[in-house]
Amino acid sequence: MSKTKITDGTATGTEDAAAVDARPVTQAQIIEGEAEAAPIADSEDDSDDRSSEGPAVLRGARWGRVVAYGVLPALALLLAMAAGYLKWLDSSVRDSQEARIESVRAATDGTVALLSYKPDTVDKDLGGARDRLTGSFKDAYTSLTRDVVIPGAKQKQISAAASVPAAASVSTTANHAVVLVFVNQTVIIGNDAPTDTASSVRVTLDKIGDRWLISGFDPV
């Protein structure tokens, strides 16, 4: 049992364990304590670093899924659509070019047929030309040749020969075309000297079935 001395109402003497625990902590002890606690703090920082890496990994995985399931399929779809559009465009261009070539050829051949005949074969010549026509123009041409051209060719021994030195497409769609045709025609009446004329014609064509037929023939 420790001894205790009372002086002026204050207890002094040998300190027991409780008194030792009540002593104030010195600055050196605080520093030593901080030094000893430092590894613990570092450990907590490492834990925080590892925990901060978690969301980054999750974000990377989430972005990977977005690329795999969203971006790549959308990109593939866009590429397929672009390929389809280019294929359609190429086909459309080729069809347009083909229609232009065919309509110009039909206008050229049709013009030569309409304006060429001989007195001995005029019925056959102009009858064949009518097969290249359509619509109201065919009716008008049939009436003109039957009433005027064929009788005059037979009576006066008229022959005509036409040629087309040039022709150009004015407009073309899948079923309708306009072609400008330049025509040279030589006409012989009986024993007279040939007469040469040059003219230009605006030829309108419609595609009926798989044939381009002349529906208009207008001098310009």
Protein backbone atom coordinates (compact mmCIF):
# COMPACT_ATOMS: atom_id res chain seq x y z
CA MET A 1 0.00 0.00 0.00
CA SER A 2 1.52 3.38 -1.05
CA LYS A 3 1.97 6.19 1.37
CA THR A 4 0.09 9.47 0.93
CA LYS A 5 0.98 12.87 2.43
CA ILE A 6 -1.68 15.53 2.82
CA THR A 7 -0.31 19.09 2.57
CA ASP A 8 -2.62 22.07 2.20
CA GLY A 9 -5.41 19.81 1.08
CA THR A 10 -3.31 18.31 -1.75
CA ALA A 11 -2.45 14.65 -2.00
CA THR A 12 1.24 13.89 -2.66
CA GLY A 13 3.50 10.91 -2.34
CA THR A 14 4.19 7.77 -4.20
CA GLU A 15 2.10 7.67 -7.45
CA ASP A 16 0.13 4.59 -8.23
CA ALA A 17 -0.71 3.30 -11.70
CA ALA A 18 -3.76 5.52 -12.04
CA ALA A 19 -1.71 8.64 -11.32
CA VAL A 20 0.89 7.63 -13.94
CA ASP A 21 -1.81 7.25 -16.56
CA ALA A 22 -3.04 10.74 -15.79
CA ARG A 23 0.28 12.43 -16.68
CA PRO A 24 0.17 14.74 -19.66
CA VAL A 25 1.54 13.46 -22.98
CA THR A 26 4.73 15.19 -24.10
CA GLN A 27 5.44 16.54 -27.63
CA ALA A 28 8.10 13.86 -28.12
CA GLN A 29 5.57 11.18 -27.34
CA ILE A 30 3.13 12.73 -29.81
CA ILE A 31 5.83 12.75 -32.51
CA GLU A 32 6.78 9.15 -31.76
CA GLY A 33 3.12 8.20 -31.84
CA GLU A 34 2.67 9.86 -35.21
CA ALA A 35 5.73 8.08 -36.51
CA GLU A 36 4.34 4.80 -35.35
CA ALA A 37 0.92 5.60 -36.80
CA ALA A 38 2.37 6.59 -40.17
CA PRO A 39 2.45 3.05 -41.57
CA ILE A 40 -1.22 2.69 -40.68
CA ALA A 41 -2.02 5.91 -42.49
CA ASP A 42 -0.04 4.71 -45.53
CA SER A 43 -1.98 1.50 -45.47
CA GLU A 44 -5.21 3.48 -45.50
CA ASP A 45 -3.94 5.53 -48.46
CA ASP A 46 -3.12 2.35 -50.36
CA SER A 47 -6.60 1.11 -49.65
CA ASP A 48 -8.02 4.39 -50.97
CA ASP A 49 -5.90 4.08 -54.14
CA ARG A 50 -7.13 0.56 -54.73
CA SER A 51 -10.70 1.61 -54.10
CA SER A 52 -10.30 4.52 -56.55
CA GLU A 53 -9.08 2.09 -59.21
CA GLY A 54 -12.35 0.16 -58.94
CA PRO A 55 -14.60 2.76 -60.66
CA ALA A 56 -11.98 3.23 -63.41
CA VAL A 57 -11.99 -0.48 -64.14
CA LEU A 58 -15.77 -0.50 -64.13
CA ARG A 59 -15.89 2.46 -66.50
CA GLY A 60 -13.44 0.73 -68.84
CA ALA A 61 -15.51 -2.44 -68.84
CA ARG A 62 -18.70 -0.47 -69.40
CA TRP A 63 -17.13 1.42 -72.34
CA GLY A 64 -15.97 -1.87 -73.81
CA ARG A 65 -19.52 -3.19 -73.72
CA VAL A 66 -20.77 0.02 -75.35
CA VAL A 67 -18.25 -0.40 -78.17
CA ALA A 68 -18.97 -4.10 -78.59
CA TYR A 69 -22.76 -3.93 -78.46
CA GLY A 70 -23.50 -0.40 -79.63
CA VAL A 71 -20.81 1.31 -81.69
CA LEU A 72 -19.62 -1.63 -83.75
CA PRO A 73 -23.10 -2.84 -84.85
CA ALA A 74 -24.07 0.75 -85.69
CA LEU A 75 -20.88 1.17 -87.71
CA ALA A 76 -21.51 -2.09 -89.52
CA LEU A 77 -25.06 -0.97 -90.30
CA LEU A 78 -23.82 2.37 -91.66
CA LEU A 79 -21.26 0.61 -93.84
CA ALA A 80 -23.93 -1.75 -95.18
CA MET A 81 -26.25 1.17 -95.91
CA ALA A 82 -23.45 3.07 -97.65
CA ALA A 83 -22.59 0.03 -99.75
CA GLY A 84 -26.25 -0.42 -100.69
CA TYR A 85 -26.60 3.26 -101.62
CA LEU A 86 -23.46 3.18 -103.76
CA LYS A 87 -24.69 0.04 -105.49
CA TRP A 88 -28.08 1.65 -106.15
CA LEU A 89 -26.40 4.83 -107.38
CA ASP A 90 -24.14 2.89 -109.70
CA SER A 91 -27.10 0.92 -111.04
CA SER A 92 -29.12 4.11 -111.48
CA VAL A 93 -26.29 5.80 -113.38
CA ARG A 94 -25.83 2.78 -115.62
CA ASP A 95 -29.58 2.57 -116.31
CA SER A 96 -29.68 6.28 -117.14
CA GLN A 97 -26.73 5.98 -119.49
CA GLU A 98 -28.30 2.96 -121.18
CA ALA A 99 -31.62 4.79 -121.61
CA ARG A 100 -29.82 7.79 -123.10
CA ILE A 101 -27.91 5.65 -125.59
CA GLU A 102 -30.98 3.67 -126.61
CA SER A 103 -33.20 6.74 -127.03
CA VAL A 104 -30.62 8.57 -129.14
CA ARG A 105 -30.23 5.50 -131.34
CA ALA A 106 -34.01 5.14 -131.70
CA ALA A 107 -34.39 8.84 -132.58
CA THR A 108 -31.60 8.61 -135.16
CA ASP A 109 -32.86 5.44 -136.84
CA GLY A 110 -36.47 6.61 -136.67
CA THR A 111 -35.69 9.95 -138.32
CA VAL A 112 -33.87 8.27 -141.19
CA ALA A 113 -36.81 5.88 -141.68
CA LEU A 114 -39.44 8.64 -141.61
CA LEU A 115 -37.70 10.75 -144.24
CA SER A 116 -36.37 8.10 -146.62
CA TYR A 117 -38.34 6.37 -149.40
CA LYS A 118 -38.32 5.47 -153.09
CA PRO A 119 -41.26 5.71 -155.50
CA ASP A 120 -41.38 1.98 -156.20
CA THR A 121 -41.26 0.92 -152.53
CA VAL A 122 -42.83 3.94 -150.84
CA ASP A 123 -45.69 1.93 -149.29
CA LYS A 124 -43.30 -0.52 -147.69
CA ASP A 125 -40.77 2.16 -146.72
CA LEU A 126 -43.21 4.47 -144.96
CA GLY A 127 -45.27 1.56 -143.62
CA GLY A 128 -42.14 0.31 -141.83
CA ALA A 129 -41.51 3.81 -140.49
CA ARG A 130 -44.97 3.88 -138.88
CA ASP A 131 -43.96 0.91 -136.72
CA ARG A 132 -41.46 3.21 -135.00
CA LEU A 133 -44.16 5.66 -133.90
CA THR A 134 -46.73 5.87 -131.12
CA GLY A 135 -49.61 7.98 -129.91
CA SER A 136 -51.24 10.85 -131.80
CA PHE A 137 -48.11 11.45 -133.85
CA LYS A 138 -48.43 8.00 -135.37
CA ASP A 139 -52.01 8.77 -136.39
CA ALA A 140 -51.02 12.12 -137.95
CA TYR A 141 -48.06 10.60 -139.81
CA THR A 142 -50.21 7.76 -141.14
CA SER A 143 -52.78 10.22 -142.46
CA LEU A 144 -50.15 12.48 -144.07
CA THR A 145 -48.28 9.70 -145.83
CA ARG A 146 -51.41 7.94 -147.00
CA ASP A 147 -53.07 11.08 -148.39
CA VAL A 148 -50.08 13.12 -149.62
CA VAL A 149 -46.63 11.56 -149.59
CA ILE A 150 -47.31 8.11 -151.06
CA PRO A 151 -49.53 9.31 -153.95
CA GLY A 152 -47.09 12.15 -154.75
CA ALA A 153 -44.05 9.87 -154.68
CA LYS A 154 -45.68 7.46 -157.10
CA GLN A 155 -47.04 10.10 -159.43
CA LYS A 156 -43.97 12.36 -159.65
CA GLN A 157 -41.33 9.71 -159.04
CA ILE A 158 -40.05 11.37 -155.89
CA SER A 159 -37.32 9.73 -153.84
CA ALA A 160 -35.79 10.97 -150.62
CA ALA A 161 -32.74 9.88 -148.64
CA ALA A 162 -32.03 11.17 -145.13
CA SER A 163 -28.95 10.93 -142.94
CA VAL A 164 -28.19 12.07 -139.40
CA PRO A 165 -24.70 13.54 -138.93
CA ALA A 166 -25.29 14.27 -135.24
CA ALA A 167 -27.78 13.73 -132.44
CA ALA A 168 -27.75 14.71 -128.79
CA SER A 169 -29.86 13.80 -125.80
CA VAL A 170 -31.79 16.74 -124.35
CA SER A 171 -33.41 14.88 -121.45
CA THR A 172 -33.88 11.25 -120.48
CA THR A 173 -35.85 9.34 -117.88
CA ALA A 174 -36.63 5.67 -117.63
CA ASN A 175 -39.65 5.96 -119.96
CA HIS A 176 -39.38 9.34 -121.68
CA ALA A 177 -36.70 11.09 -123.71
CA VAL A 178 -36.12 14.12 -125.89
CA VAL A 179 -33.38 14.09 -128.54
CA LEU A 180 -32.14 16.85 -130.81
CA VAL A 181 -31.43 15.40 -134.25
CA PHE A 182 -29.55 17.13 -137.10
CA VAL A 183 -30.78 15.94 -140.48
CA ASN A 184 -29.41 16.09 -144.00
CA GLN A 185 -31.93 15.11 -146.69
CA THR A 186 -31.51 14.68 -150.41
CA VAL A 187 -34.67 14.78 -152.57
CA ILE A 188 -34.88 13.84 -156.24
CA ILE A 189 -38.01 14.57 -158.31
CA GLY A 190 -38.14 12.65 -161.59
CA ASN A 191 -35.08 13.55 -163.65
CA ASP A 192 -34.35 16.79 -161.84
CA ALA A 193 -31.08 17.47 -160.05
CA PRO A 194 -30.96 16.42 -156.39
CA THR A 195 -31.90 18.99 -153.79
CA ASP A 196 -30.07 18.95 -150.47
CA THR A 197 -31.50 20.40 -147.30
CA ALA A 198 -30.23 20.53 -143.74
CA SER A 199 -32.47 20.88 -140.75
CA SER A 200 -32.79 19.97 -137.10
CA VAL A 201 -35.65 18.17 -135.39
CA ARG A 202 -36.68 17.82 -131.77
CA VAL A 203 -37.67 14.18 -131.42
CA THR A 204 -39.74 13.05 -128.43
CA LEU A 205 -39.79 9.37 -127.51
CA ASP A 206 -41.70 7.17 -125.08
CA LYS A 207 -40.60 3.73 -124.03
CA ILE A 208 -43.37 1.22 -124.71
CA GLY A 209 -42.46 -2.21 -123.44
CA ASP A 210 -38.82 -2.62 -124.38
CA ARG A 211 -38.89 -0.23 -127.39
CA TRP A 212 -38.33 3.51 -127.67
CA LEU A 213 -41.04 4.86 -130.00
CA ILE A 214 -41.31 8.38 -131.46
CA SER A 215 -44.25 10.35 -130.07
CA GLY A 216 -43.27 13.81 -131.34
CA PHE A 217 -41.37 15.20 -134.33
CA ASP A 218 -40.98 18.98 -134.30
CA PRO A 219 -38.65 20.98 -136.61
CA VAL A 220 -36.54 23.58 -134.77
